[in-house]
PDB file of N, CA and C in Angstrom:
ATOM      1  N   MET A   1      -2.614  35.596  36.495  1.00  0.00           N
ATOM      2  CA  MET A   1      -4.229  36.050  35.959  1.00  0.00           C
ATOM      3  C   MET A   1      -3.532  35.057  34.735  1.00  0.00           C
ATOM      4  N   ASN A   2      -4.709  34.999  33.962  1.00  0.00           N
ATOM      5  CA  ASN A   2      -4.356  34.169  32.026  1.00  0.00           C
ATOM      6  C   ASN A   2      -3.518  35.534  31.757  1.00  0.00           C
ATOM      7  N   GLN A   3      -2.887  34.861  30.529  1.00  0.00           N
ATOM      8  CA  GLN A   3      -2.016  35.710  29.765  1.00  0.00           C
ATOM      9  C   GLN A   3      -3.038  36.588  28.255  1.00  0.00           C
ATOM     10  N   ILE A   4      -4.067  35.737  28.478  1.00  0.00           N
ATOM     11  CA  ILE A   4      -5.202  35.921  27.323  1.00  0.00           C
ATOM     12  C   ILE A   4      -5.859  37.705  27.562  1.00  0.00           C
ATOM     13  N   ASN A   5      -6.296  36.947  29.101  1.00  0.00           N
ATOM     14  CA  ASN A   5      -7.088  38.313  30.453  1.00  0.00           C
ATOM     15  C   ASN A   5      -5.702  39.717  30.010  1.00  0.00           C
ATOM     16  N   GLU A   6      -5.122  39.332  30.231  1.00  0.00           N
ATOM     17  CA  GLU A   6      -4.267  40.055  30.501  1.00  0.00           C
ATOM     18  C   GLU A   6      -4.028  41.343  28.487  1.00  0.00           C
ATOM     19  N   MET A   7      -4.401  40.687  27.533  1.00  0.00           N
ATOM     20  CA  MET A   7      -3.967  41.183  26.565  1.00  0.00           C
ATOM     21  C   MET A   7      -4.708  42.675  26.149  1.00  0.00           C
ATOM     22  N   THR A   8      -4.638  43.598  25.499  1.00  0.00           N
ATOM     23  CA  THR A   8      -6.351  43.510  25.141  1.00  0.00           C
ATOM     24  C   THR A   8      -6.686  43.477  24.266  1.00  0.00           C
ATOM     25  N   LYS A   9      -7.872  44.653  23.722  1.00  0.00           N
ATOM     26  CA  LYS A   9      -8.643  43.950  22.410  1.00  0.00           C
ATOM     27  C   LYS A   9      -7.428  43.716  21.262  1.00  0.00           C
ATOM     28  N   GLU A  10      -7.333  45.223  20.988  1.00  0.00           N
ATOM     29  CA  GLU A  10      -6.749  45.067  20.103  1.00  0.00           C
ATOM     30  C   GLU A  10      -5.018  44.329  19.933  1.00  0.00           C
ATOM     31  N   GLU A  11      -4.705  43.963  21.700  1.00  0.00           N
ATOM     32  CA  GLU A  11      -3.517  43.244  20.955  1.00  0.00           C
ATOM     33  C   GLU A  11      -3.612  41.495  20.632  1.00  0.00           C
ATOM     34  N   LEU A  12      -5.217  41.252  21.266  1.00  0.00           N
ATOM     35  CA  LEU A  12      -5.635  40.264  20.759  1.00  0.00           C
ATOM     36  C   LEU A  12      -6.041  39.812  19.104  1.00  0.00           C
ATOM     37  N   GLN A  13      -6.238  40.778  18.403  1.00  0.00           N
ATOM     38  CA  GLN A  13      -6.873  41.027  17.409  1.00  0.00           C
ATOM     39  C   GLN A  13      -6.053  41.236  16.930  1.00  0.00           C
ATOM     40  N   GLN A  14      -4.169  41.701  16.493  1.00  0.00           N
ATOM     41  CA  GLN A  14      -2.786  41.623  15.660  1.00  0.00           C
ATOM     42  C   GLN A  14      -2.439  40.239  15.698  1.00  0.00           C
ATOM     43  N   ARG A  15      -2.199  39.162  17.451  1.00  0.00           N
ATOM     44  CA  ARG A  15      -2.027  38.092  17.220  1.00  0.00           C
ATOM     45  C   ARG A  15      -3.227  37.616  16.318  1.00  0.00           C
ATOM     46  N   THR A  16      -3.857  37.113  17.051  1.00  0.00           N
ATOM     47  CA  THR A  16      -5.311  36.289  15.820  1.00  0.00           C
ATOM     48  C   THR A  16      -4.423  36.963  14.436  1.00  0.00           C
ATOM     49  N   LYS A  17      -4.447  37.999  13.650  1.00  0.00           N
ATOM     50  CA  LYS A  17      -4.877  38.331  11.994  1.00  0.00           C
ATOM     51  C   LYS A  17      -2.960  38.000  11.458  1.00  0.00           C
ATOM     52  N   GLU A  18      -2.488  38.158  13.015  1.00  0.00           N
ATOM     53  CA  GLU A  18      -0.955  37.349  12.438  1.00  0.00           C
ATOM     54  C   GLU A  18      -1.080  35.663  11.847  1.00  0.00           C
ATOM     55  N   ILE A  19      -1.169  35.378  12.682  1.00  0.00           N
ATOM     56  CA  ILE A  19      -1.563  33.836  12.952  1.00  0.00           C
ATOM     57  C   ILE A  19      -2.687  33.412  11.221  1.00  0.00           C
ATOM     58  N   VAL A  20      -3.297  34.536  11.377  1.00  0.00           N
ATOM     59  CA  VAL A  20      -4.697  33.829  10.100  1.00  0.00           C
ATOM     60  C   VAL A  20      -3.609  34.850   8.791  1.00  0.00           C
ATOM     61  N   ASP A  21      -3.344  35.305   8.730  1.00  0.00           N
ATOM     62  CA  ASP A  21      -2.290  35.679   7.228  1.00  0.00           C
ATOM     63  C   ASP A  21      -1.131  34.745   7.344  1.00  0.00           C
ATOM     64  N   PHE A  22       0.095  33.923   8.077  1.00  0.00           N
ATOM     65  CA  PHE A  22       0.498  33.294   7.861  1.00  0.00           C
ATOM     66  C   PHE A  22      -0.388  32.251   7.598  1.00  0.00           C
ATOM     67  N   LEU A  23      -1.035  31.747   8.493  1.00  0.00           N
ATOM     68  CA  LEU A  23      -2.286  29.680   7.659  1.00  0.00           C
ATOM     69  C   LEU A  23      -2.417  30.564   6.285  1.00  0.00           C
ATOM     70  N   THR A  24      -2.708  31.190   6.082  1.00  0.00           N
ATOM     71  CA  THR A  24      -3.320  31.866   4.552  1.00  0.00           C
ATOM     72  C   THR A  24      -2.241  32.257   3.462  1.00  0.00           C
ATOM     73  N   GLU A  25      -1.672  32.437   3.957  1.00  0.00           N
ATOM     74  CA  GLU A  25      -0.542  32.606   3.103  1.00  0.00           C
ATOM     75  C   GLU A  25       0.622  30.874   3.048  1.00  0.00           C
ATOM     76  N   LYS A  26       0.578  29.926   3.738  1.00  0.00           N
ATOM     77  CA  LYS A  26       0.448  28.517   3.385  1.00  0.00           C
ATOM     78  C   LYS A  26      -0.943  27.466   3.704  1.00  0.00           C
ATOM     79  N   ASN A  27      -1.008  28.255   2.994  1.00  0.00           N
ATOM     80  CA  ASN A  27      -2.860  27.651   2.675  1.00  0.00           C
ATOM     81  C   ASN A  27      -1.952  27.874   1.000  1.00  0.00           C
ATOM     82  N   GLU A  28      -2.283  28.829   0.766  1.00  0.00           N
ATOM     83  CA  GLU A  28      -2.214  29.046  -0.877  1.00  0.00           C
ATOM     84  C   GLU A  28      -1.002  28.759  -1.279  1.00  0.00           C
ATOM     85  N   GLU A  29       0.452  28.466  -0.395  1.00  0.00           N
ATOM     86  CA  GLU A  29       1.143  27.699  -0.723  1.00  0.00           C
ATOM     87  C   GLU A  29       0.973  25.981  -1.686  1.00  0.00           C
ATOM     88  N   ALA A  30       0.130  25.943  -0.068  1.00  0.00           N
ATOM     89  CA  ALA A  30       0.017  24.152  -0.671  1.00  0.00           C
ATOM     90  C   ALA A  30      -0.717  24.246  -1.443  1.00  0.00           C
ATOM     91  N   LYS A  31      -2.267  25.086  -1.656  1.00  0.00           N
ATOM     92  CA  LYS A  31      -2.655  24.926  -2.794  1.00  0.00           C
ATOM     93  C   LYS A  31      -2.450  24.855  -4.550  1.00  0.00           C
ATOM     94  N   LYS A  32      -1.126  25.169  -4.848  1.00  0.00           N
ATOM     95  CA  LYS A  32      -0.182  25.389  -5.679  1.00  0.00           C
ATOM     96  C   LYS A  32       0.451  24.376  -6.057  1.00  0.00           C
ATOM     97  N   ALA A  33       0.405  23.375  -4.468  1.00  0.00           N
ATOM     98  CA  ALA A  33       1.433  22.171  -4.376  1.00  0.00           C
ATOM     99  C   ALA A  33       1.070  21.465  -5.404  1.00  0.00           C
ATOM    100  N   GLY A  34      -0.695  21.505  -5.151  1.00  0.00           N
ATOM    101  CA  GLY A  34      -1.715  20.193  -5.487  1.00  0.00           C
ATOM    102  C   GLY A  34      -2.272  19.518  -4.716  1.00  0.00           C
ATOM    103  N   ILE A  35      -3.047  19.517  -4.630  1.00  0.00           N
ATOM    104  CA  ILE A  35      -4.183  18.216  -3.864  1.00  0.00           C
ATOM    105  C   ILE A  35      -3.411  17.884  -2.470  1.00  0.00           C
ATOM    106  N   GLU A  36      -2.662  16.781  -3.106  1.00  0.00           N
ATOM    107  CA  GLU A  36      -2.066  16.185  -1.942  1.00  0.00           C
ATOM    108  C   GLU A  36      -0.982  17.069  -0.986  1.00  0.00           C
ATOM    109  N   GLN A  37      -1.264  17.889  -1.271  1.00  0.00           N
ATOM    110  CA  GLN A  37      -0.361  19.001  -0.302  1.00  0.00           C
ATOM    111  C   GLN A  37      -0.820  19.514   0.348  1.00  0.00           C
ATOM    112  N   HIS A  38      -2.096  20.324  -0.614  1.00  0.00           N
ATOM    113  CA  HIS A  38      -3.126  20.763   0.273  1.00  0.00           C
ATOM    114  C   HIS A  38      -4.011  20.437   1.429  1.00  0.00           C
ATOM    115  N   GLY A  39      -4.299  19.025   1.478  1.00  0.00           N
ATOM    116  CA  GLY A  39      -4.899  18.214   2.231  1.00  0.00           C
ATOM    117  C   GLY A  39      -3.393  17.677   3.567  1.00  0.00           C
ATOM    118  N   HIS A  40      -2.684  17.502   2.792  1.00  0.00           N
ATOM    119  CA  HIS A  40      -1.512  17.620   4.188  1.00  0.00           C
ATOM    120  C   HIS A  40      -2.172  18.742   4.695  1.00  0.00           C
ATOM    121  N   PHE A  41      -1.832  19.951   4.298  1.00  0.00           N
ATOM    122  CA  PHE A  41      -1.644  21.283   5.524  1.00  0.00           C
ATOM    123  C   PHE A  41      -2.238  21.311   5.936  1.00  0.00           C
ATOM    124  N   TYR A  42      -3.556  20.810   5.774  1.00  0.00           N
ATOM    125  CA  TYR A  42      -4.875  20.992   6.660  1.00  0.00           C
ATOM    126  C   TYR A  42      -5.357  19.814   7.766  1.00  0.00           C
ATOM    127  N   THR A  43      -4.644  18.603   7.107  1.00  0.00           N
ATOM    128  CA  THR A  43      -4.316  17.770   8.491  1.00  0.00           C
ATOM    129  C   THR A  43      -2.688  18.571   9.433  1.00  0.00           C
ATOM    130  N   SER A  44      -2.312  18.884   8.921  1.00  0.00           N
ATOM    131  CA  SER A  44      -0.911  19.096   9.812  1.00  0.00           C
ATOM    132  C   SER A  44      -1.726  19.898  10.846  1.00  0.00           C
ATOM    133  N   VAL A  45      -2.309  21.385  10.230  1.00  0.00           N
ATOM    134  CA  VAL A  45      -2.812  22.444  10.959  1.00  0.00           C
ATOM    135  C   VAL A  45      -3.469  22.050  12.026  1.00  0.00           C
ATOM    136  N   ALA A  46      -4.147  21.214  11.768  1.00  0.00           N
ATOM    137  CA  ALA A  46      -5.330  20.013  12.791  1.00  0.00           C
ATOM    138  C   ALA A  46      -4.512  19.672  13.703  1.00  0.00           C
ATOM    139  N   PHE A  47      -3.423  18.362  13.219  1.00  0.00           N
ATOM    140  CA  PHE A  47      -2.399  17.563  14.231  1.00  0.00           C
ATOM    141  C   PHE A  47      -2.256  18.582  14.815  1.00  0.00           C
ATOM    142  N   THR A  48      -1.520  19.896  14.874  1.00  0.00           N
ATOM    143  CA  THR A  48      -1.022  20.839  15.144  1.00  0.00           C
ATOM    144  C   THR A  48      -1.701  20.998  16.944  1.00  0.00           C
ATOM    145  N   LEU A  49      -2.906  21.964  16.145  1.00  0.00           N
ATOM    146  CA  LEU A  49      -3.948  22.219  17.326  1.00  0.00           C
ATOM    147  C   LEU A  49      -4.284  20.884  18.510  1.00  0.00           C
ATOM    148  N   GLY A  50      -4.321  19.803  18.135  1.00  0.00           N
ATOM    149  CA  GLY A  50      -4.310  19.286  18.855  1.00  0.00           C
ATOM    150  C   GLY A  50      -2.999  18.902  19.357  1.00  0.00           C
ATOM    151  N   SER A  51      -2.662  18.530  19.000  1.00  0.00           N
ATOM    152  CA  SER A  51      -1.205  18.222  20.377  1.00  0.00           C
ATOM    153  C   SER A  51      -0.996  19.457  21.090  1.00  0.00           C
ATOM    154  N   LEU A  52      -1.383  20.521  20.802  1.00  0.00           N
ATOM    155  CA  LEU A  52      -0.478  22.123  21.665  1.00  0.00           C
ATOM    156  C   LEU A  52      -1.691  21.631  22.697  1.00  0.00           C
ATOM    157  N   ILE A  53      -3.244  21.658  22.216  1.00  0.00           N
ATOM    158  CA  ILE A  53      -3.839  21.459  24.098  1.00  0.00           C
ATOM    159  C   ILE A  53      -3.676  20.260  24.568  1.00  0.00           C
ATOM    160  N   GLY A  54      -3.496  19.138  23.986  1.00  0.00           N
ATOM    161  CA  GLY A  54      -2.670  17.713  25.150  1.00  0.00           C
ATOM    162  C   GLY A  54      -1.638  18.222  25.732  1.00  0.00           C
ATOM    163  N   PHE A  55      -0.851  19.117  25.075  1.00  0.00           N
ATOM    164  CA  PHE A  55       0.479  19.601  25.777  1.00  0.00           C
ATOM    165  C   PHE A  55       0.374  20.516  27.029  1.00  0.00           C
ATOM    166  N   ASP A  56      -1.366  21.258  26.700  1.00  0.00           N
ATOM    167  CA  ASP A  56      -0.664  22.651  26.698  1.00  0.00           C
ATOM    168  C   ASP A  56      -2.024  22.233  27.996  1.00  0.00           C
ATOM    169  N   PHE A  57      -3.163  21.758  27.918  1.00  0.00           N
ATOM    170  CA  PHE A  57      -4.092  22.105  29.270  1.00  0.00           C
ATOM    171  C   PHE A  57      -3.714  20.099  30.461  1.00  0.00           C
ATOM    172  N   ASN A  58      -4.170  20.620  30.902  1.00  0.00           N
ATOM    173  CA  ASN A  58      -4.838  19.432  32.124  1.00  0.00           C
ATOM    174  C   ASN A  58      -5.663  18.946  31.656  1.00  0.00           C
ATOM    175  N   PRO A  59      -6.004  17.538  32.764  1.00  0.00           N
ATOM    176  CA  PRO A  59      -7.163  16.821  32.063  1.00  0.00           C
ATOM    177  C   PRO A  59      -8.453  17.607  31.896  1.00  0.00           C
ATOM    178  N   LYS A  60      -8.670  18.226  32.813  1.00  0.00           N
ATOM    179  CA  LYS A  60     -10.579  18.898  33.038  1.00  0.00           C
ATOM    180  C   LYS A  60     -10.536  19.663  32.162  1.00  0.00           C
ATOM    181  N   GLY A  61      -8.859  20.399  31.785  1.00  0.00           N
ATOM    182  CA  GLY A  61      -9.397  21.834  30.568  1.00  0.00           C
ATOM    183  C   GLY A  61      -9.855  21.131  28.792  1.00  0.00           C
ATOM    184  N   TYR A  62      -8.743  19.623  28.556  1.00  0.00           N
ATOM    185  CA  TYR A  62      -9.950  19.206  27.542  1.00  0.00           C
ATOM    186  C   TYR A  62     -11.017  18.982  26.541  1.00  0.00           C
ATOM    187  N   GLY A  63     -12.144  18.941  27.808  1.00  0.00           N
ATOM    188  CA  GLY A  63     -13.308  19.245  27.315  1.00  0.00           C
ATOM    189  C   GLY A  63     -13.088  20.798  26.854  1.00  0.00           C
ATOM    190  N   PRO A  64     -14.155  21.044  27.588  1.00  0.00           N
ATOM    191  CA  PRO A  64     -13.978  22.045  27.470  1.00  0.00           C
ATOM    192  C   PRO A  64     -13.124  23.338  26.079  1.00  0.00           C
ATOM    193  N   MET A  65     -11.778  22.978  26.247  1.00  0.00           N
ATOM    194  CA  MET A  65     -11.700  23.482  24.248  1.00  0.00           C
ATOM    195  C   MET A  65     -11.846  22.616  23.586  1.00  0.00           C
ATOM    196  N   LEU A  66     -11.907  21.591  23.488  1.00  0.00           N
ATOM    197  CA  LEU A  66     -12.540  20.774  22.654  1.00  0.00           C
ATOM    198  C   LEU A  66     -13.617  21.219  22.099  1.00  0.00           C
ATOM    199  N   GLY A  67     -15.028  21.285  22.667  1.00  0.00           N
ATOM    200  CA  GLY A  67     -15.762  22.255  22.412  1.00  0.00           C
ATOM    201  C   GLY A  67     -15.404  23.708  21.971  1.00  0.00           C
ATOM    202  N   THR A  68     -14.516  24.329  22.401  1.00  0.00           N
ATOM    203  CA  THR A  68     -14.925  25.742  21.732  1.00  0.00           C
ATOM    204  C   THR A  68     -13.915  25.172  20.548  1.00  0.00           C
ATOM    205  N   MET A  69     -13.346  24.367  20.725  1.00  0.00           N
ATOM    206  CA  MET A  69     -12.806  24.351  19.264  1.00  0.00           C
ATOM    207  C   MET A  69     -13.867  24.026  17.889  1.00  0.00           C
ATOM    208  N   LEU A  70     -14.576  22.809  18.338  1.00  0.00           N
ATOM    209  CA  LEU A  70     -15.070  22.383  16.980  1.00  0.00           C
ATOM    210  C   LEU A  70     -16.813  23.833  17.336  1.00  0.00           C
ATOM    211  N   ASP A  71     -16.890  24.496  18.641  1.00  0.00           N
ATOM    212  CA  ASP A  71     -17.472  25.484  18.216  1.00  0.00           C
ATOM    213  C   ASP A  71     -16.669  26.133  16.878  1.00  0.00           C
ATOM    214  N   SER A  72     -15.972  26.791  17.121  1.00  0.00           N
ATOM    215  CA  SER A  72     -14.720  28.131  16.475  1.00  0.00           C
ATOM    216  C   SER A  72     -14.752  27.456  14.765  1.00  0.00           C
ATOM    217  N   LEU A  73     -14.597  26.047  14.634  1.00  0.00           N
ATOM    218  CA  LEU A  73     -13.970  25.315  12.956  1.00  0.00           C
ATOM    219  C   LEU A  73     -15.160  25.005  12.839  1.00  0.00           C
ATOM    220  N   THR A  74     -16.574  24.929  13.298  1.00  0.00           N
ATOM    221  CA  THR A  74     -18.063  25.373  12.475  1.00  0.00           C
ATOM    222  C   THR A  74     -18.731  26.382  12.482  1.00  0.00           C
ATOM    223  N   ASP A  75     -18.212  27.549  13.318  1.00  0.00           N
ATOM    224  CA  ASP A  75     -18.718  28.900  13.093  1.00  0.00           C
ATOM    225  C   ASP A  75     -17.766  28.763  11.827  1.00  0.00           C
ATOM    226  N   GLY A  76     -16.805  29.003  11.529  1.00  0.00           N
ATOM    227  CA  GLY A  76     -15.461  29.025   9.909  1.00  0.00           C
ATOM    228  C   GLY A  76     -16.525  28.267   9.377  1.00  0.00           C
ATOM    229  N   LEU A  77     -16.449  27.128   9.719  1.00  0.00           N
ATOM    230  CA  LEU A  77     -16.607  26.140   8.151  1.00  0.00           C
ATOM    231  C   LEU A  77     -18.097  26.747   7.146  1.00  0.00           C
ATOM    232  N   GLN A  78     -19.005  27.440   8.363  1.00  0.00           N
ATOM    233  CA  GLN A  78     -20.196  27.703   8.401  1.00  0.00           C
ATOM    234  C   GLN A  78     -19.856  29.322   7.203  1.00  0.00           C
ATOM    235  N   THR A  79     -19.778  30.206   7.533  1.00  0.00           N
ATOM    236  CA  THR A  79     -18.720  31.579   7.144  1.00  0.00           C
ATOM    237  C   THR A  79     -18.098  31.356   6.066  1.00  0.00           C
ATOM    238  N   GLY A  80     -17.224  30.250   5.589  1.00  0.00           N
ATOM    239  CA  GLY A  80     -16.330  30.091   4.896  1.00  0.00           C
ATOM    240  C   GLY A  80     -17.590  29.488   3.601  1.00  0.00           C
ATOM    241  N   ALA A  81     -18.282  28.629   4.126  1.00  0.00           N
ATOM    242  CA  ALA A  81     -19.890  28.035   3.193  1.00  0.00           C
ATOM    243  C   ALA A  81     -20.882  29.132   2.559  1.00  0.00           C
ATOM    244  N   GLN A  82     -21.091  29.900   2.873  1.00  0.00           N
ATOM    245  CA  GLN A  82     -22.288  31.073   2.957  1.00  0.00           C
ATOM    246  C   GLN A  82     -21.414  32.385   1.951  1.00  0.00           C
ATOM    247  N   GLY A  83     -19.915  32.463   2.120  1.00  0.00           N
ATOM    248  CA  GLY A  83     -19.341  33.471   1.968  1.00  0.00           C
ATOM    249  C   GLY A  83     -18.984  32.219   0.626  1.00  0.00           C
ATOM    250  N   LYS A  84     -19.336  31.286   0.229  1.00  0.00           N
ATOM    251  CA  LYS A  84     -18.677  31.141  -1.368  1.00  0.00           C
ATOM    252  C   LYS A  84     -20.503  30.775  -1.898  1.00  0.00           C
ATOM    253  N   GLY A  85     -21.087  30.837  -1.045  1.00  0.00           N
ATOM    254  CA  GLY A  85     -22.659  30.889  -1.680  1.00  0.00           C
ATOM    255  C   GLY A  85     -23.199  29.674  -1.676  1.00  0.00           C
ATOM    256  N   VAL A  86     -22.663  28.689  -0.397  1.00  0.00           N
ATOM    257  CA  VAL A  86     -23.530  27.439  -0.248  1.00  0.00           C
ATOM    258  C   VAL A  86     -24.758  27.306   0.335  1.00  0.00           C
ATOM    259  N   LYS A  87     -25.212  26.738  -0.038  1.00  0.00           N
ATOM    260  CA  LYS A  87     -27.006  26.878   0.824  1.00  0.00           C
ATOM    261  C   LYS A  87     -27.318  25.955   1.569  1.00  0.00           C
ATOM    262  N   GLY A  88     -27.073  25.812   2.988  1.00  0.00           N
ATOM    263  CA  GLY A  88     -27.335  25.330   3.622  1.00  0.00           C
ATOM    264  C   GLY A  88     -27.085  25.464   5.022  1.00  0.00           C
ATOM    265  N   THR A  89     -27.089  25.309   6.463  1.00  0.00           N
ATOM    266  CA  THR A  89     -26.877  25.555   7.480  1.00  0.00           C
ATOM    267  C   THR A  89     -26.053  24.004   8.137  1.00  0.00           C
ATOM    268  N   PHE A  90     -24.953  24.380   9.190  1.00  0.00           N
ATOM    269  CA  PHE A  90     -24.421  23.301   9.953  1.00  0.00           C
ATOM    270  C   PHE A  90     -25.471  23.737  11.284  1.00  0.00           C
ATOM    271  N   ILE A  91     -25.578  21.961  11.494  1.00  0.00           N
ATOM    272  CA  ILE A  91     -26.489  22.296  13.172  1.00  0.00           C
ATOM    273  C   ILE A  91     -25.374  21.446  14.002  1.00  0.00           C
ATOM    274  N   LYS A  92     -25.244  21.902  15.536  1.00  0.00           N
ATOM    275  CA  LYS A  92     -25.028  21.688  16.245  1.00  0.00           C
ATOM    276  C   LYS A  92     -25.698  20.934  16.959  1.00  0.00           C
ATOM    277  N   VAL A  93     -25.802  19.227  17.584  1.00  0.00           N
ATOM    278  CA  VAL A  93     -26.074  18.352  18.517  1.00  0.00           C
ATOM    279  C   VAL A  93     -25.264  19.076  19.602  1.00  0.00           C
ATOM    280  N   VAL A  94     -26.204  18.967  20.858  1.00  0.00           N
ATOM    281  CA  VAL A  94     -25.890  19.520  22.218  1.00  0.00           C
ATOM    282  C   VAL A  94     -25.789  18.268  22.747  1.00  0.00           C
ATOM    283  N   ARG A  95     -25.575  17.471  23.742  1.00  0.00           N
ATOM    284  CA  ARG A  95     -25.831  16.993  24.822  1.00  0.00           C
ATOM    285  C   ARG A  95     -24.909  16.825  26.093  1.00  0.00           C
ATOM    286  N   ASP A  96     -26.707  16.723  26.955  1.00  0.00           N
ATOM    287  CA  ASP A  96     -25.814  17.630  28.526  1.00  0.00           C
ATOM    288  C   ASP A  96     -25.853  16.404  29.536  1.00  0.00           C
TER     289      ASP A  96
END
């Protein structure tokens, strides 16, 4: 059985919170260090996530996980933009 399926909802939320808290702290450090370091933080996080997928999934799993990541990234960007008062909506184009 998959480890994610074995975790309770509370365990999953706690693990998510730990990751979000860590990344939030590192993001704040990068912002204080300047625009170049802040940009490096984002590219490093993206590269790390991409690398983990590349190492962890079999080739058939890349597509579904990439789709899931893009959905999550878009949803997060939309939520953040709305929180900042940006008027607009991301539109996802899906091809069968």
